[in-house]
Each structure stands twice: as C-alpha cells, then as structure tokens.
C-alpha cells in the first residue's frame, strides 16, 4: 500500500525525505484517480526503501493541495530534496511513472 500523506505529516515524510518522493493527489470520487491507485500501490511496493510513494486525499488535506497548486486530479508530483522536479496531471501508465522516477533517482 502507498504511504498516506497528510497536511500534518507532509513536511517530515516528503519535504525532509532524502529519497525521491512520488505524491499522488487524488479523491475517492475521481474516476481517473481510481485507475491510477493500483499503479501507485504497485510502485510503492516495488520501490520500498528506494523511494517514498504515497497519496494525498485532496478532500481531507487541502493545505498540501493548495501549497502545490493542485487544480486537477490526479496530479502526481515528483519531489527531490524537498523541491518539485517533475509533475504529471491526469491518468497515466506505470511505464510513464517509472520513466519519470528513473530520471530522478
């Protein structure tokens, strides 16, 4: 399962991480988000210990969502050393996400 980022733990779990961080901004009512969820869960398992991969429920964590200007979901941010290094908006494939991850690991 993917890590659950919240407004409360985001600073420590994502910004201060020394690993690549992949954050999926989603909501339960979002169809494309539900398509991406199994991909995020697979990546979280496959990259355990190498990257931090998780999800932010935008309905429950508006602070993080607003900070990064998330206006469409799913939005997937890639953070390295606390900075956004890449971004993907909309449904996507596992191969696309792995390619983006490889570029920053």
N, C-alpha and C. Protein backbone atom coordinates (compact mmCIF):
# COMPACT_ATOMS: atom_id res chain seq x y z
N UNK A 1 0.83 -1.19 0.00
CA UNK A 1 0.00 0.00 0.00
C UNK A 1 0.87 1.26 0.00
N UNK A 2 0.37 2.25 -0.66
CA UNK A 2 1.07 3.53 -0.72
C UNK A 2 0.97 4.25 0.62
N UNK A 3 1.99 5.05 0.90
CA UNK A 3 2.02 5.87 2.11
C UNK A 3 0.89 6.90 2.05
N UNK A 4 0.30 7.22 3.18
CA UNK A 4 -0.76 8.23 3.22
C UNK A 4 -0.19 9.55 3.74
N UNK A 5 0.04 10.46 2.80
CA UNK A 5 0.49 11.80 3.17
C UNK A 5 -0.69 12.61 3.66
N UNK A 6 -0.46 13.46 4.67
CA UNK A 6 -1.49 14.36 5.18
C UNK A 6 -0.89 15.75 5.34
N UNK A 7 -1.75 16.72 5.61
CA UNK A 7 -1.24 18.06 5.90
C UNK A 7 -0.28 18.03 7.09
N UNK A 8 -0.55 17.13 8.03
CA UNK A 8 0.25 17.04 9.25
C UNK A 8 1.62 16.41 9.04
N UNK A 9 1.70 15.35 8.23
CA UNK A 9 2.97 14.62 8.11
C UNK A 9 3.76 14.96 6.84
N UNK A 10 3.24 15.83 5.98
CA UNK A 10 3.88 16.07 4.68
C UNK A 10 5.29 16.63 4.80
N UNK A 11 5.48 17.59 5.69
CA UNK A 11 6.80 18.21 5.86
C UNK A 11 7.86 17.15 6.16
N UNK A 12 7.59 16.33 7.16
CA UNK A 12 8.57 15.32 7.58
C UNK A 12 8.69 14.17 6.57
N UNK A 13 7.56 13.67 6.09
CA UNK A 13 7.58 12.48 5.24
C UNK A 13 7.99 12.76 3.80
N UNK A 14 7.71 13.95 3.30
CA UNK A 14 8.00 14.26 1.89
C UNK A 14 9.11 15.29 1.73
N UNK A 15 8.94 16.45 2.32
CA UNK A 15 9.90 17.55 2.13
C UNK A 15 11.27 17.19 2.70
N UNK A 16 11.30 16.57 3.87
CA UNK A 16 12.57 16.27 4.53
C UNK A 16 13.16 14.91 4.15
N UNK A 17 12.51 14.18 3.26
CA UNK A 17 13.00 12.87 2.86
C UNK A 17 14.28 13.00 2.02
N UNK A 18 15.19 12.05 2.21
CA UNK A 18 16.41 12.03 1.40
C UNK A 18 16.25 11.15 0.16
N UNK A 19 15.05 10.63 -0.05
CA UNK A 19 14.76 9.79 -1.21
C UNK A 19 13.86 10.56 -2.19
N UNK A 20 13.72 10.01 -3.38
CA UNK A 20 12.74 10.54 -4.32
C UNK A 20 11.36 10.31 -3.71
N UNK A 21 10.50 11.31 -3.79
CA UNK A 21 9.15 11.22 -3.25
C UNK A 21 8.16 11.39 -4.40
N UNK A 22 7.23 10.44 -4.51
CA UNK A 22 6.19 10.49 -5.54
C UNK A 22 4.86 10.65 -4.80
N UNK A 23 4.15 11.74 -5.10
CA UNK A 23 2.92 12.07 -4.39
C UNK A 23 1.76 12.12 -5.38
N UNK A 24 0.78 11.26 -5.16
CA UNK A 24 -0.42 11.21 -5.98
C UNK A 24 -1.54 11.97 -5.26
N UNK A 25 -1.97 13.09 -5.82
CA UNK A 25 -3.09 13.85 -5.28
C UNK A 25 -4.36 13.28 -5.89
N UNK A 26 -5.30 12.84 -5.05
CA UNK A 26 -6.47 12.10 -5.52
C UNK A 26 -7.69 12.40 -4.65
N UNK A 27 -8.83 11.86 -5.07
CA UNK A 27 -10.07 11.89 -4.27
C UNK A 27 -10.86 10.62 -4.59
N UNK A 28 -11.65 10.19 -3.62
CA UNK A 28 -12.43 8.96 -3.79
C UNK A 28 -13.42 9.04 -4.94
N UNK A 29 -13.97 10.20 -5.22
CA UNK A 29 -14.99 10.37 -6.25
C UNK A 29 -14.42 10.50 -7.66
N UNK A 30 -13.11 10.51 -7.79
CA UNK A 30 -12.43 10.77 -9.07
C UNK A 30 -12.17 9.45 -9.81
N UNK A 31 -12.83 9.27 -10.95
CA UNK A 31 -12.65 8.06 -11.75
C UNK A 31 -11.22 7.82 -12.21
N UNK A 32 -10.58 8.81 -12.85
CA UNK A 32 -9.19 8.60 -13.28
C UNK A 32 -8.25 8.31 -12.10
N UNK A 33 -8.57 8.88 -10.93
CA UNK A 33 -7.75 8.60 -9.74
C UNK A 33 -7.82 7.13 -9.37
N UNK A 34 -9.02 6.55 -9.49
CA UNK A 34 -9.18 5.13 -9.17
C UNK A 34 -8.40 4.26 -10.15
N UNK A 35 -8.21 4.73 -11.38
CA UNK A 35 -7.41 3.99 -12.36
C UNK A 35 -5.92 4.02 -11.99
N UNK A 36 -5.47 5.11 -11.40
CA UNK A 36 -4.06 5.27 -11.05
C UNK A 36 -3.71 4.58 -9.73
N UNK A 37 -4.67 4.43 -8.83
CA UNK A 37 -4.41 3.87 -7.50
C UNK A 37 -3.65 2.55 -7.52
N UNK A 38 -4.06 1.54 -8.33
CA UNK A 38 -3.29 0.28 -8.31
C UNK A 38 -1.85 0.44 -8.78
N UNK A 39 -1.64 1.39 -9.69
CA UNK A 39 -0.28 1.65 -10.19
C UNK A 39 0.58 2.23 -9.06
N UNK A 40 0.03 3.20 -8.34
CA UNK A 40 0.75 3.82 -7.22
C UNK A 40 1.05 2.76 -6.15
N UNK A 41 0.07 1.91 -5.84
CA UNK A 41 0.28 0.85 -4.86
C UNK A 41 1.38 -0.12 -5.30
N UNK A 42 1.38 -0.50 -6.58
CA UNK A 42 2.44 -1.39 -7.10
C UNK A 42 3.81 -0.74 -6.99
N UNK A 43 3.91 0.52 -7.39
CA UNK A 43 5.19 1.22 -7.33
C UNK A 43 5.67 1.35 -5.89
N UNK A 44 4.74 1.62 -4.97
CA UNK A 44 5.11 1.73 -3.55
C UNK A 44 5.74 0.43 -3.05
N UNK A 45 5.19 -0.68 -3.47
CA UNK A 45 5.72 -1.98 -3.05
C UNK A 45 7.05 -2.26 -3.73
N UNK A 46 7.14 -2.02 -5.03
CA UNK A 46 8.35 -2.34 -5.79
C UNK A 46 9.54 -1.45 -5.41
N UNK A 47 9.28 -0.20 -5.05
CA UNK A 47 10.35 0.74 -4.74
C UNK A 47 10.50 0.98 -3.24
N UNK A 48 9.94 0.09 -2.43
CA UNK A 48 10.04 0.21 -0.98
C UNK A 48 11.51 0.30 -0.56
N UNK A 49 11.86 1.32 0.19
CA UNK A 49 13.23 1.53 0.62
C UNK A 49 14.07 2.36 -0.34
N UNK A 50 13.61 2.50 -1.58
CA UNK A 50 14.34 3.27 -2.59
C UNK A 50 13.70 4.63 -2.85
N UNK A 51 12.37 4.69 -2.66
CA UNK A 51 11.62 5.92 -2.88
C UNK A 51 10.43 5.93 -1.92
N UNK A 52 9.91 7.11 -1.65
CA UNK A 52 8.70 7.24 -0.84
C UNK A 52 7.56 7.53 -1.81
N UNK A 53 6.60 6.61 -1.86
CA UNK A 53 5.50 6.74 -2.82
C UNK A 53 4.19 6.71 -2.04
N UNK A 54 3.40 7.77 -2.23
CA UNK A 54 2.18 7.84 -1.46
C UNK A 54 1.13 8.72 -2.10
N UNK A 55 0.05 8.92 -1.33
CA UNK A 55 -1.12 9.60 -1.83
C UNK A 55 -1.57 10.68 -0.85
N UNK A 56 -2.15 11.75 -1.41
CA UNK A 56 -2.77 12.81 -0.63
C UNK A 56 -4.23 12.89 -1.05
N UNK A 57 -5.15 12.66 -0.12
CA UNK A 57 -6.56 12.82 -0.41
C UNK A 57 -6.86 14.32 -0.35
N UNK A 58 -7.17 14.90 -1.51
CA UNK A 58 -7.35 16.36 -1.58
C UNK A 58 -8.57 16.84 -0.79
N UNK A 59 -9.55 15.98 -0.59
CA UNK A 59 -10.74 16.36 0.17
C UNK A 59 -10.45 16.51 1.66
N UNK A 60 -9.42 15.81 2.14
CA UNK A 60 -9.10 15.83 3.57
C UNK A 60 -7.82 16.61 3.89
N UNK A 61 -7.06 16.99 2.87
CA UNK A 61 -5.76 17.65 3.08
C UNK A 61 -5.60 18.83 2.13
N UNK A 62 -6.42 19.85 2.34
CA UNK A 62 -6.41 20.98 1.42
C UNK A 62 -5.14 21.83 1.54
N UNK A 63 -4.47 21.79 2.68
CA UNK A 63 -3.27 22.60 2.86
C UNK A 63 -2.17 22.23 1.88
N UNK A 64 -1.84 20.96 1.79
CA UNK A 64 -0.79 20.49 0.86
C UNK A 64 -1.25 20.72 -0.57
N UNK A 65 -2.50 20.42 -0.85
CA UNK A 65 -3.03 20.60 -2.20
C UNK A 65 -2.93 22.05 -2.65
N UNK A 66 -3.27 22.98 -1.77
CA UNK A 66 -3.19 24.40 -2.12
C UNK A 66 -1.74 24.85 -2.25
N UNK A 67 -0.86 24.37 -1.38
CA UNK A 67 0.54 24.77 -1.43
C UNK A 67 1.15 24.47 -2.80
N UNK A 68 0.77 23.33 -3.39
CA UNK A 68 1.34 22.92 -4.67
C UNK A 68 0.45 23.26 -5.86
N UNK A 69 -0.61 24.02 -5.61
CA UNK A 69 -1.46 24.49 -6.71
C UNK A 69 -2.16 23.38 -7.46
N UNK A 70 -2.56 22.33 -6.78
CA UNK A 70 -3.23 21.21 -7.43
C UNK A 70 -4.66 21.64 -7.77
N UNK A 71 -4.95 21.69 -9.06
CA UNK A 71 -6.27 22.11 -9.52
C UNK A 71 -7.01 20.99 -10.23
N UNK A 72 -6.28 20.00 -10.73
CA UNK A 72 -6.86 18.84 -11.41
C UNK A 72 -6.31 17.59 -10.76
N UNK A 73 -7.15 16.58 -10.67
CA UNK A 73 -6.67 15.31 -10.13
C UNK A 73 -7.00 14.20 -11.12
N UNK A 74 -6.19 13.16 -11.17
CA UNK A 74 -4.98 13.01 -10.37
C UNK A 74 -3.84 13.92 -10.86
N UNK A 75 -3.10 14.45 -9.89
CA UNK A 75 -1.84 15.13 -10.15
C UNK A 75 -0.77 14.38 -9.39
N UNK A 76 0.30 14.04 -10.07
CA UNK A 76 1.39 13.30 -9.44
C UNK A 76 2.64 14.17 -9.47
N UNK A 77 3.14 14.47 -8.27
CA UNK A 77 4.35 15.29 -8.15
C UNK A 77 5.53 14.39 -7.79
N UNK A 78 6.68 14.75 -8.31
CA UNK A 78 7.94 14.07 -8.00
C UNK A 78 8.81 15.08 -7.28
N UNK A 79 9.18 14.78 -6.04
CA UNK A 79 9.98 15.70 -5.23
C UNK A 79 11.34 15.08 -4.94
N UNK A 80 12.35 15.91 -5.01
CA UNK A 80 13.71 15.50 -4.68
C UNK A 80 14.31 16.63 -3.83
N UNK A 81 14.82 16.29 -2.66
CA UNK A 81 15.38 17.29 -1.74
C UNK A 81 14.38 18.41 -1.45
N UNK A 82 13.10 18.03 -1.33
CA UNK A 82 12.08 19.00 -0.97
C UNK A 82 11.55 19.86 -2.10
N UNK A 83 12.07 19.69 -3.30
CA UNK A 83 11.67 20.50 -4.45
C UNK A 83 10.96 19.65 -5.49
N UNK A 84 9.96 20.23 -6.15
CA UNK A 84 9.27 19.53 -7.24
C UNK A 84 10.21 19.47 -8.45
N UNK A 85 10.51 18.25 -8.90
CA UNK A 85 11.40 18.07 -10.04
C UNK A 85 10.66 17.59 -11.30
N UNK A 86 9.42 17.12 -11.11
CA UNK A 86 8.62 16.68 -12.25
C UNK A 86 7.16 16.62 -11.80
N UNK A 87 6.27 16.55 -12.80
CA UNK A 87 4.84 16.57 -12.50
C UNK A 87 4.10 15.87 -13.63
N UNK A 88 3.03 15.17 -13.27
CA UNK A 88 2.15 14.57 -14.29
C UNK A 88 0.72 14.83 -13.87
N UNK A 89 -0.10 15.32 -14.79
CA UNK A 89 -1.51 15.58 -14.50
C UNK A 89 -2.35 14.65 -15.37
N UNK A 90 -3.29 13.96 -14.73
CA UNK A 90 -4.19 13.05 -15.44
C UNK A 90 -3.78 11.60 -15.27
N UNK A 91 -4.65 10.72 -15.74
CA UNK A 91 -4.37 9.28 -15.68
C UNK A 91 -3.14 8.97 -16.53
N UNK A 92 -2.43 7.93 -16.14
CA UNK A 92 -1.21 7.58 -16.84
C UNK A 92 -0.93 6.10 -16.68
N UNK A 93 0.18 5.66 -17.25
CA UNK A 93 0.57 4.25 -17.15
C UNK A 93 1.73 4.10 -16.16
N UNK A 94 1.92 2.88 -15.75
CA UNK A 94 3.04 2.57 -14.85
C UNK A 94 4.37 2.87 -15.54
N UNK A 95 4.47 2.56 -16.83
CA UNK A 95 5.71 2.79 -17.57
C UNK A 95 6.09 4.27 -17.58
N UNK A 96 5.12 5.14 -17.76
CA UNK A 96 5.39 6.58 -17.78
C UNK A 96 5.92 7.03 -16.40
N UNK A 97 5.28 6.58 -15.34
CA UNK A 97 5.72 6.96 -14.00
C UNK A 97 7.11 6.41 -13.69
N UNK A 98 7.37 5.18 -14.08
CA UNK A 98 8.70 4.58 -13.84
C UNK A 98 9.78 5.33 -14.60
N UNK A 99 9.47 5.78 -15.82
CA UNK A 99 10.42 6.55 -16.61
C UNK A 99 10.75 7.87 -15.92
N UNK A 100 9.73 8.54 -15.41
CA UNK A 100 9.95 9.81 -14.69
C UNK A 100 10.74 9.56 -13.40
N UNK A 101 10.44 8.47 -12.71
CA UNK A 101 11.16 8.15 -11.49
C UNK A 101 12.64 7.88 -11.78
N UNK A 102 12.90 7.10 -12.83
CA UNK A 102 14.27 6.75 -13.18
C UNK A 102 15.11 7.98 -13.49
N UNK A 103 14.48 8.99 -14.06
CA UNK A 103 15.19 10.21 -14.43
C UNK A 103 15.68 10.98 -13.20
N UNK A 104 15.08 10.71 -12.04
CA UNK A 104 15.40 11.49 -10.84
C UNK A 104 15.97 10.67 -9.69
N UNK A 105 16.19 9.39 -9.89
CA UNK A 105 16.72 8.56 -8.80
C UNK A 105 18.24 8.52 -8.85
